[in-house]
PDB file of all heavy atoms in Angstrom:
ATOM      1  N   THR A   1       9.551  -8.604   8.131  1.00  0.00           N
ATOM      2  CA  THR A   1       9.554  -9.893   7.451  1.00  0.00           C
ATOM      3  C   THR A   1      10.769 -10.056   6.530  1.00  0.00           C
ATOM      4  O   THR A   1      10.865 -11.046   5.788  1.00  0.00           O
ATOM      5  CB  THR A   1       8.280 -10.061   6.606  1.00  0.00           C
ATOM      6  OG1 THR A   1       8.267  -9.062   5.570  1.00  0.00           O
ATOM      7  CG2 THR A   1       7.044  -9.924   7.461  1.00  0.00           C
ATOM      8  N   GLY A   2      11.675  -9.110   6.532  1.00  0.00           N
ATOM      9  CA  GLY A   2      12.824  -9.188   5.629  1.00  0.00           C
ATOM     10  C   GLY A   2      12.543  -8.503   4.304  1.00  0.00           C
ATOM     11  O   GLY A   2      11.436  -8.051   4.032  1.00  0.00           O
ATOM     12  N   GLU A   3      13.548  -8.498   3.421  1.00  0.00           N
ATOM     13  CA  GLU A   3      13.426  -7.718   2.200  1.00  0.00           C
ATOM     14  C   GLU A   3      13.036  -8.536   0.966  1.00  0.00           C
ATOM     15  O   GLU A   3      12.895  -7.987  -0.109  1.00  0.00           O
ATOM     16  CB  GLU A   3      14.763  -7.024   1.913  1.00  0.00           C
ATOM     17  CG  GLU A   3      15.138  -5.951   2.951  1.00  0.00           C
ATOM     18  CD  GLU A   3      16.372  -5.189   2.546  1.00  0.00           C
ATOM     19  OE1 GLU A   3      17.004  -5.538   1.534  1.00  0.00           O
ATOM     20  OE2 GLU A   3      16.716  -4.218   3.245  1.00  0.00           O
ATOM     21  N   ASP A   4      12.845  -9.846   1.101  1.00  0.00           N
ATOM     22  CA  ASP A   4      12.557 -10.675  -0.055  1.00  0.00           C
ATOM     23  C   ASP A   4      11.353 -10.187  -0.855  1.00  0.00           C
ATOM     24  O   ASP A   4      11.367 -10.104  -2.071  1.00  0.00           O
ATOM     25  CB  ASP A   4      12.361 -12.125   0.365  1.00  0.00           C
ATOM     26  CG  ASP A   4      13.691 -12.809   0.688  1.00  0.00           C
ATOM     27  OD1 ASP A   4      14.739 -12.153   0.492  1.00  0.00           O
ATOM     28  OD2 ASP A   4      13.674 -13.955   1.124  1.00  0.00           O
ATOM     29  N   GLN A   5      10.248  -9.880  -0.124  1.00  0.00           N
ATOM     30  CA  GLN A   5       9.037  -9.418  -0.816  1.00  0.00           C
ATOM     31  C   GLN A   5       9.300  -8.126  -1.577  1.00  0.00           C
ATOM     32  O   GLN A   5       8.839  -7.958  -2.710  1.00  0.00           O
ATOM     33  CB  GLN A   5       7.904  -9.202   0.200  1.00  0.00           C
ATOM     34  CG  GLN A   5       6.612  -8.693  -0.443  1.00  0.00           C
ATOM     35  CD  GLN A   5       5.539  -8.389   0.593  1.00  0.00           C
ATOM     36  OE1 GLN A   5       5.611  -8.841   1.719  1.00  0.00           O
ATOM     37  NE2 GLN A   5       4.560  -7.581   0.208  1.00  0.00           N
ATOM     38  N   LEU A   6      10.065  -7.239  -0.968  1.00  0.00           N
ATOM     39  CA  LEU A   6      10.354  -5.950  -1.610  1.00  0.00           C
ATOM     40  C   LEU A   6      11.212  -6.140  -2.858  1.00  0.00           C
ATOM     41  O   LEU A   6      10.965  -5.499  -3.884  1.00  0.00           O
ATOM     42  CB  LEU A   6      11.060  -5.027  -0.595  1.00  0.00           C
ATOM     43  CG  LEU A   6      11.007  -3.532  -0.903  1.00  0.00           C
ATOM     44  CD1 LEU A   6       9.565  -3.041  -0.930  1.00  0.00           C
ATOM     45  CD2 LEU A   6      11.789  -2.754   0.146  1.00  0.00           C
ATOM     46  N   TRP A   7      12.187  -7.019  -2.796  1.00  0.00           N
ATOM     47  CA  TRP A   7      13.049  -7.246  -3.959  1.00  0.00           C
ATOM     48  C   TRP A   7      12.275  -7.951  -5.084  1.00  0.00           C
ATOM     49  O   TRP A   7      12.494  -7.671  -6.269  1.00  0.00           O
ATOM     50  CB  TRP A   7      14.267  -8.085  -3.576  1.00  0.00           C
ATOM     51  CG  TRP A   7      15.320  -7.269  -2.858  1.00  0.00           C
ATOM     52  CD1 TRP A   7      15.657  -7.325  -1.532  1.00  0.00           C
ATOM     53  CD2 TRP A   7      16.128  -6.232  -3.443  1.00  0.00           C
ATOM     54  NE1 TRP A   7      16.615  -6.394  -1.252  1.00  0.00           N
ATOM     55  CE2 TRP A   7      16.937  -5.710  -2.405  1.00  0.00           C
ATOM     56  CE3 TRP A   7      16.225  -5.697  -4.714  1.00  0.00           C
ATOM     57  CZ2 TRP A   7      17.846  -4.688  -2.598  1.00  0.00           C
ATOM     58  CZ3 TRP A   7      17.153  -4.664  -4.924  1.00  0.00           C
ATOM     59  CH2 TRP A   7      17.946  -4.172  -3.883  1.00  0.00           C
ATOM     60  N   ARG A   8      11.395  -8.877  -4.734  1.00  0.00           N
ATOM     61  CA  ARG A   8      10.564  -9.535  -5.760  1.00  0.00           C
ATOM     62  C   ARG A   8       9.685  -8.505  -6.455  1.00  0.00           C
ATOM     63  O   ARG A   8       9.513  -8.527  -7.679  1.00  0.00           O
ATOM     64  CB  ARG A   8       9.702 -10.630  -5.117  1.00  0.00           C
ATOM     65  CG  ARG A   8      10.421 -11.941  -4.880  1.00  0.00           C
ATOM     66  CD  ARG A   8       9.445 -13.088  -4.635  1.00  0.00           C
ATOM     67  NE  ARG A   8       8.565 -12.823  -3.513  1.00  0.00           N
ATOM     68  CZ  ARG A   8       8.863 -13.142  -2.240  1.00  0.00           C
ATOM     69  NH1 ARG A   8       9.994 -13.770  -1.962  1.00  0.00           N
ATOM     70  NH2 ARG A   8       8.024 -12.882  -1.268  1.00  0.00           N
ATOM     71  N   TYR A   9       9.108  -7.634  -5.645  1.00  0.00           N
ATOM     72  CA  TYR A   9       8.233  -6.573  -6.207  1.00  0.00           C
ATOM     73  C   TYR A   9       9.048  -5.679  -7.161  1.00  0.00           C
ATOM     74  O   TYR A   9       8.603  -5.377  -8.267  1.00  0.00           O
ATOM     75  CB  TYR A   9       7.648  -5.745  -5.054  1.00  0.00           C
ATOM     76  CG  TYR A   9       7.003  -4.454  -5.481  1.00  0.00           C
ATOM     77  CD1 TYR A   9       5.747  -4.454  -6.109  1.00  0.00           C
ATOM     78  CD2 TYR A   9       7.633  -3.227  -5.288  1.00  0.00           C
ATOM     79  CE1 TYR A   9       5.155  -3.272  -6.496  1.00  0.00           C
ATOM     80  CE2 TYR A   9       7.049  -2.039  -5.665  1.00  0.00           C
ATOM     81  CZ  TYR A   9       5.798  -2.071  -6.278  1.00  0.00           C
ATOM     82  OH  TYR A   9       5.204  -0.909  -6.678  1.00  0.00           O
ATOM     83  N   ASN A  10      10.234  -5.316  -6.753  1.00  0.00           N
ATOM     84  CA  ASN A  10      11.073  -4.465  -7.578  1.00  0.00           C
ATOM     85  C   ASN A  10      11.488  -5.177  -8.869  1.00  0.00           C
ATOM     86  O   ASN A  10      11.463  -4.569  -9.962  1.00  0.00           O
ATOM     87  CB  ASN A  10      12.337  -4.077  -6.788  1.00  0.00           C
ATOM     88  CG  ASN A  10      13.266  -3.196  -7.566  1.00  0.00           C
ATOM     89  OD1 ASN A  10      14.197  -3.683  -8.208  1.00  0.00           O
ATOM     90  ND2 ASN A  10      13.042  -1.889  -7.534  1.00  0.00           N
ATOM     91  N   CYS A  11      11.819  -6.457  -8.751  1.00  0.00           N
ATOM     92  CA  CYS A  11      12.208  -7.224  -9.929  1.00  0.00           C
ATOM     93  C   CYS A  11      11.037  -7.348 -10.896  1.00  0.00           C
ATOM     94  O   CYS A  11      11.205  -7.217 -12.117  1.00  0.00           O
ATOM     95  CB  CYS A  11      12.687  -8.606  -9.480  1.00  0.00           C
ATOM     96  SG  CYS A  11      13.273  -9.625 -10.855  1.00  0.00           S
ATOM     97  N   GLN A  12       9.839  -7.564 -10.378  1.00  0.00           N
ATOM     98  CA  GLN A  12       8.666  -7.685 -11.223  1.00  0.00           C
ATOM     99  C   GLN A  12       8.391  -6.367 -11.952  1.00  0.00           C
ATOM    100  O   GLN A  12       8.054  -6.339 -13.130  1.00  0.00           O
ATOM    101  CB  GLN A  12       7.448  -8.104 -10.391  1.00  0.00           C
ATOM    102  CG  GLN A  12       6.285  -8.601 -11.254  1.00  0.00           C
ATOM    103  CD  GLN A  12       5.265  -9.359 -10.428  1.00  0.00           C
ATOM    104  OE1 GLN A  12       5.460  -9.563  -9.234  1.00  0.00           O
ATOM    105  NE2 GLN A  12       4.193  -9.778 -11.051  1.00  0.00           N
ATOM    106  N   ASP A  13       8.529  -5.281 -11.245  1.00  0.00           N
ATOM    107  CA  ASP A  13       8.399  -3.940 -11.887  1.00  0.00           C
ATOM    108  C   ASP A  13       9.335  -3.834 -13.091  1.00  0.00           C
ATOM    109  O   ASP A  13       8.950  -3.388 -14.182  1.00  0.00           O
ATOM    110  CB  ASP A  13       8.771  -2.852 -10.886  1.00  0.00           C
ATOM    111  CG  ASP A  13       7.551  -2.169 -10.288  1.00  0.00           C
ATOM    112  OD1 ASP A  13       6.446  -2.707 -10.419  1.00  0.00           O
ATOM    113  OD2 ASP A  13       7.724  -1.084  -9.698  1.00  0.00           O
ATOM    114  N   ALA A  14      10.592  -4.211 -12.883  1.00  0.00           N
ATOM    115  CA  ALA A  14      11.611  -4.086 -13.924  1.00  0.00           C
ATOM    116  C   ALA A  14      11.296  -4.967 -15.126  1.00  0.00           C
ATOM    117  O   ALA A  14      11.382  -4.535 -16.293  1.00  0.00           O
ATOM    118  CB  ALA A  14      12.993  -4.396 -13.362  1.00  0.00           C
ATOM    119  N   VAL A  15      10.936  -6.230 -14.885  1.00  0.00           N
ATOM    120  CA  VAL A  15      10.645  -7.173 -15.963  1.00  0.00           C
ATOM    121  C   VAL A  15       9.425  -6.704 -16.784  1.00  0.00           C
ATOM    122  O   VAL A  15       9.435  -6.755 -18.010  1.00  0.00           O
ATOM    123  CB  VAL A  15      10.418  -8.587 -15.386  1.00  0.00           C
ATOM    124  CG1 VAL A  15       9.894  -9.517 -16.476  1.00  0.00           C
ATOM    125  CG2 VAL A  15      11.700  -9.126 -14.805  1.00  0.00           C
ATOM    126  N   ILE A  16       8.400  -6.242 -16.077  1.00  0.00           N
ATOM    127  CA  ILE A  16       7.186  -5.776 -16.772  1.00  0.00           C
ATOM    128  C   ILE A  16       7.480  -4.511 -17.576  1.00  0.00           C
ATOM    129  O   ILE A  16       7.013  -4.367 -18.693  1.00  0.00           O
ATOM    130  CB  ILE A  16       6.052  -5.549 -15.745  1.00  0.00           C
ATOM    131  CG1 ILE A  16       5.546  -6.903 -15.227  1.00  0.00           C
ATOM    132  CG2 ILE A  16       4.906  -4.742 -16.367  1.00  0.00           C
ATOM    133  CD1 ILE A  16       4.579  -6.804 -14.070  1.00  0.00           C
ATOM    134  N   THR A  17       8.293  -3.615 -17.044  1.00  0.00           N
ATOM    135  CA  THR A  17       8.670  -2.413 -17.789  1.00  0.00           C
ATOM    136  C   THR A  17       9.364  -2.796 -19.075  1.00  0.00           C
ATOM    137  O   THR A  17       9.110  -2.217 -20.128  1.00  0.00           O
ATOM    138  CB  THR A  17       9.582  -1.526 -16.920  1.00  0.00           C
ATOM    139  OG1 THR A  17       8.869  -1.116 -15.740  1.00  0.00           O
ATOM    140  CG2 THR A  17      10.016  -0.284 -17.698  1.00  0.00           C
ATOM    141  N   PHE A  18      10.247  -3.772 -18.996  1.00  0.00           N
ATOM    142  CA  PHE A  18      10.984  -4.221 -20.160  1.00  0.00           C
ATOM    143  C   PHE A  18      10.057  -4.796 -21.229  1.00  0.00           C
ATOM    144  O   PHE A  18      10.151  -4.504 -22.425  1.00  0.00           O
ATOM    145  CB  PHE A  18      12.036  -5.252 -19.770  1.00  0.00           C
ATOM    146  CG  PHE A  18      12.976  -5.633 -20.853  1.00  0.00           C
ATOM    147  CD1 PHE A  18      14.061  -4.838 -21.188  1.00  0.00           C
ATOM    148  CD2 PHE A  18      12.805  -6.827 -21.599  1.00  0.00           C
ATOM    149  CE1 PHE A  18      14.933  -5.178 -22.196  1.00  0.00           C
ATOM    150  CE2 PHE A  18      13.664  -7.158 -22.601  1.00  0.00           C
ATOM    151  CZ  PHE A  18      14.745  -6.343 -22.911  1.00  0.00           C
ATOM    152  N   GLU A  19       9.081  -5.618 -20.785  1.00  0.00           N
ATOM    153  CA  GLU A  19       8.138  -6.224 -21.735  1.00  0.00           C
ATOM    154  C   GLU A  19       7.227  -5.159 -22.358  1.00  0.00           C
ATOM    155  O   GLU A  19       6.970  -5.173 -23.557  1.00  0.00           O
ATOM    156  CB  GLU A  19       7.282  -7.299 -21.034  1.00  0.00           C
ATOM    157  CG  GLU A  19       6.357  -8.040 -21.989  1.00  0.00           C
ATOM    158  CD  GLU A  19       5.560  -9.138 -21.312  1.00  0.00           C
ATOM    159  OE1 GLU A  19       5.833  -9.423 -20.116  1.00  0.00           O
ATOM    160  OE2 GLU A  19       4.673  -9.721 -21.966  1.00  0.00           O
ATOM    161  N   VAL A  20       6.755  -4.265 -21.531  1.00  0.00           N
ATOM    162  CA  VAL A  20       5.910  -3.173 -22.032  1.00  0.00           C
ATOM    163  C   VAL A  20       6.634  -2.367 -23.076  1.00  0.00           C
ATOM    164  O   VAL A  20       6.086  -2.025 -24.141  1.00  0.00           O
ATOM    165  CB  VAL A  20       5.455  -2.257 -20.883  1.00  0.00           C
ATOM    166  CG1 VAL A  20       4.855  -0.954 -21.394  1.00  0.00           C
ATOM    167  CG2 VAL A  20       4.427  -2.967 -19.976  1.00  0.00           C
ATOM    168  N   ALA A  21       7.901  -2.061 -22.817  1.00  0.00           N
ATOM    169  CA  ALA A  21       8.680  -1.233 -23.747  1.00  0.00           C
ATOM    170  C   ALA A  21       8.773  -1.874 -25.129  1.00  0.00           C
ATOM    171  O   ALA A  21       8.660  -1.180 -26.157  1.00  0.00           O
ATOM    172  CB  ALA A  21      10.076  -0.992 -23.166  1.00  0.00           C
ATOM    173  N   ALA A  22       8.991  -3.175 -25.162  1.00  0.00           N
ATOM    174  CA  ALA A  22       9.146  -3.876 -26.461  1.00  0.00           C
ATOM    175  C   ALA A  22       7.872  -3.763 -27.293  1.00  0.00           C
ATOM    176  O   ALA A  22       7.902  -3.484 -28.494  1.00  0.00           O
ATOM    177  CB  ALA A  22       9.506  -5.323 -26.220  1.00  0.00           C
ATOM    178  N   VAL A  23       6.701  -3.953 -26.621  1.00  0.00           N
ATOM    179  CA  VAL A  23       5.447  -3.876 -27.362  1.00  0.00           C
ATOM    180  C   VAL A  23       5.147  -2.426 -27.781  1.00  0.00           C
ATOM    181  O   VAL A  23       4.680  -2.181 -28.902  1.00  0.00           O
ATOM    182  CB  VAL A  23       4.283  -4.430 -26.487  1.00  0.00           C
ATOM    183  CG1 VAL A  23       2.967  -4.345 -27.255  1.00  0.00           C
ATOM    184  CG2 VAL A  23       4.579  -5.854 -26.078  1.00  0.00           C
ATOM    185  N   GLU A  24       5.432  -1.502 -26.899  1.00  0.00           N
ATOM    186  CA  GLU A  24       5.200  -0.096 -27.217  1.00  0.00           C
ATOM    187  C   GLU A  24       5.992   0.353 -28.439  1.00  0.00           C
ATOM    188  O   GLU A  24       5.463   1.088 -29.307  1.00  0.00           O
ATOM    189  CB  GLU A  24       5.574   0.793 -26.030  1.00  0.00           C
ATOM    190  CG  GLU A  24       4.533   0.861 -24.945  1.00  0.00           C
ATOM    191  CD  GLU A  24       4.885   1.831 -23.855  1.00  0.00           C
ATOM    192  OE1 GLU A  24       6.123   2.036 -23.606  1.00  0.00           O
ATOM    193  OE2 GLU A  24       3.990   2.377 -23.228  1.00  0.00           O
ATOM    194  N   GLN A  25       7.228  -0.062 -28.520  1.00  0.00           N
ATOM    195  CA  GLN A  25       8.054   0.374 -29.629  1.00  0.00           C
ATOM    196  C   GLN A  25       7.516  -0.173 -30.963  1.00  0.00           C
ATOM    197  O   GLN A  25       7.535   0.518 -31.994  1.00  0.00           O
ATOM    198  CB  GLN A  25       9.508  -0.079 -29.446  1.00  0.00           C
ATOM    199  CG  GLN A  25      10.222   0.620 -28.290  1.00  0.00           C
ATOM    200  CD  GLN A  25      10.126   2.130 -28.407  1.00  0.00           C
ATOM    201  OE1 GLN A  25      10.546   2.728 -29.389  1.00  0.00           O
ATOM    202  NE2 GLN A  25       9.580   2.789 -27.395  1.00  0.00           N
ATOM    203  N   ALA A  26       6.989  -1.382 -30.956  1.00  0.00           N
ATOM    204  CA  ALA A  26       6.347  -1.927 -32.148  1.00  0.00           C
ATOM    205  C   ALA A  26       5.095  -1.105 -32.505  1.00  0.00           C
ATOM    206  O   ALA A  26       4.811  -0.839 -33.673  1.00  0.00           O
ATOM    207  CB  ALA A  26       5.978  -3.391 -31.935  1.00  0.00           C
ATOM    208  N   ASN A  27       4.342  -0.710 -31.476  1.00  0.00           N
ATOM    209  CA  ASN A  27       3.136   0.111 -31.706  1.00  0.00           C
ATOM    210  C   ASN A  27       3.499   1.459 -32.309  1.00  0.00           C
ATOM    211  O   ASN A  27       2.814   1.955 -33.207  1.00  0.00           O
ATOM    212  CB  ASN A  27       2.383   0.329 -30.369  1.00  0.00           C
ATOM    213  CG  ASN A  27       1.556  -0.844 -29.984  1.00  0.00           C
ATOM    214  OD1 ASN A  27       1.458  -1.830 -30.719  1.00  0.00           O
ATOM    215  ND2 ASN A  27       0.920  -0.767 -28.812  1.00  0.00           N
ATOM    216  N   VAL A  28       4.543   2.069 -31.772  1.00  0.00           N
ATOM    217  CA  VAL A  28       4.973   3.389 -32.281  1.00  0.00           C
ATOM    218  C   VAL A  28       5.257   3.313 -33.768  1.00  0.00           C
ATOM    219  O   VAL A  28       4.822   4.201 -34.543  1.00  0.00           O
ATOM    220  CB  VAL A  28       6.221   3.865 -31.506  1.00  0.00           C
ATOM    221  CG1 VAL A  28       6.885   5.053 -32.211  1.00  0.00           C
ATOM    222  CG2 VAL A  28       5.848   4.287 -30.071  1.00  0.00           C
ATOM    223  N   ASP A  29       5.946   2.284 -34.174  1.00  0.00           N
ATOM    224  CA  ASP A  29       6.251   2.122 -35.618  1.00  0.00           C
ATOM    225  C   ASP A  29       4.990   1.830 -36.440  1.00  0.00           C
ATOM    226  O   ASP A  29       4.805   2.380 -37.525  1.00  0.00           O
ATOM    227  CB  ASP A  29       7.306   1.049 -35.800  1.00  0.00           C
ATOM    228  CG  ASP A  29       8.693   1.459 -35.319  1.00  0.00           C
ATOM    229  OD1 ASP A  29       8.994   2.668 -35.425  1.00  0.00           O
ATOM    230  OD2 ASP A  29       9.430   0.613 -34.824  1.00  0.00           O
ATOM    231  N   SER A  30       4.156   0.940 -35.929  1.00  0.00           N
ATOM    232  CA  SER A  30       2.957   0.583 -36.704  1.00  0.00           C
ATOM    233  C   SER A  30       1.980   1.739 -36.809  1.00  0.00           C
ATOM    234  O   SER A  30       1.241   1.843 -37.802  1.00  0.00           O
ATOM    235  CB  SER A  30       2.258  -0.631 -36.064  1.00  0.00           C
ATOM    236  OG  SER A  30       1.722  -0.280 -34.807  1.00  0.00           O
ATOM    237  N   MET A  31       2.009   2.639 -35.848  1.00  0.00           N
ATOM    238  CA  MET A  31       1.114   3.818 -35.889  1.00  0.00           C
ATOM    239  C   MET A  31       1.774   5.009 -36.576  1.00  0.00           C
ATOM    240  O   MET A  31       1.189   6.077 -36.643  1.00  0.00           O
ATOM    241  CB  MET A  31       0.733   4.201 -34.449  1.00  0.00           C
ATOM    242  CG  MET A  31      -0.095   3.159 -33.717  1.00  0.00           C
ATOM    243  SD  MET A  31      -0.351   3.544 -31.951  1.00  0.00           S
ATOM    244  CE  MET A  31      -1.530   4.889 -32.066  1.00  0.00           C
ATOM    245  N   ARG A  32       3.009   4.801 -37.060  1.00  0.00           N
ATOM    246  CA  ARG A  32       3.759   5.843 -37.758  1.00  0.00           C
ATOM    247  C   ARG A  32       3.937   7.101 -36.876  1.00  0.00           C
ATOM    248  O   ARG A  32       3.705   8.232 -37.298  1.00  0.00           O
ATOM    249  CB  ARG A  32       3.097   6.228 -39.085  1.00  0.00           C
ATOM    250  CG  ARG A  32       3.030   5.049 -40.067  1.00  0.00           C
ATOM    251  CD  ARG A  32       2.579   5.480 -41.454  1.00  0.00           C
ATOM    252  NE  ARG A  32       1.248   6.027 -41.440  1.00  0.00           N
ATOM    253  CZ  ARG A  32       0.121   5.294 -41.438  1.00  0.00           C
ATOM    254  NH1 ARG A  32       0.189   3.979 -41.423  1.00  0.00           N
ATOM    255  NH2 ARG A  32      -1.069   5.877 -41.423  1.00  0.00           N
ATOM    256  N   LEU A  33       4.361   6.849 -35.666  1.00  0.00           N
ATOM    257  CA  LEU A  33       4.574   7.920 -34.685  1.00  0.00           C
ATOM    258  C   LEU A  33       6.020   7.990 -34.221  1.00  0.00           C
ATOM    259  O   LEU A  33       6.314   8.558 -33.169  1.00  0.00           O
ATOM    260  CB  LEU A  33       3.658   7.709 -33.463  1.00  0.00           C
ATOM    261  CG  LEU A  33       2.171   7.962 -33.714  1.00  0.00           C
ATOM    262  CD1 LEU A  33       1.349   7.468 -32.507  1.00  0.00           C
ATOM    263  CD2 LEU A  33       1.902   9.444 -33.939  1.00  0.00           C
ATOM    264  N   ARG A  34       6.945   7.428 -35.014  1.00  0.00           N
ATOM    265  CA  ARG A  34       8.340   7.363 -34.560  1.00  0.00           C
ATOM    266  C   ARG A  34       8.953   8.758 -34.330  1.00  0.00           C
ATOM    267  O   ARG A  34       9.602   8.998 -33.337  1.00  0.00           O
ATOM    268  CB  ARG A  34       9.170   6.596 -35.600  1.00  0.00           C
ATOM    269  CG  ARG A  34      10.673   6.549 -35.325  1.00  0.00           C
ATOM    270  CD  ARG A  34      11.021   5.999 -33.972  1.00  0.00           C
ATOM    271  NE  ARG A  34      10.496   4.640 -33.748  1.00  0.00           N
ATOM    272  CZ  ARG A  34      10.573   4.004 -32.598  1.00  0.00           C
ATOM    273  NH1 ARG A  34      11.145   4.602 -31.553  1.00  0.00           N
ATOM    274  NH2 ARG A  34      10.068   2.792 -32.467  1.00  0.00           N
ATOM    275  N   GLU A  35       8.690   9.665 -35.244  1.00  0.00           N
ATOM    276  CA  GLU A  35       9.266  11.028 -35.105  1.00  0.00           C
ATOM    277  C   GLU A  35       8.712  11.719 -33.849  1.00  0.00           C
ATOM    278  O   GLU A  35       9.432  12.354 -33.111  1.00  0.00           O
ATOM    279  CB  GLU A  35       8.970  11.873 -36.360  1.00  0.00           C
ATOM    280  CG  GLU A  35       9.627  13.246 -36.332  1.00  0.00           C
ATOM    281  CD  GLU A  35       9.382  14.024 -37.608  1.00  0.00           C
ATOM    282  OE1 GLU A  35       8.926  13.438 -38.615  1.00  0.00           O
ATOM    283  OE2 GLU A  35       9.624  15.255 -37.582  1.00  0.00           O
TER     284      GLU A  35
END
């Protein structure tokens, strides 16, 4: 069927990873677990 579905899936993985990382970093600081 071509690669469009695979590239969309890959792009979604990347965008979600980026969003998750931002929230996690805020959690790390609020939980005082930076070190």
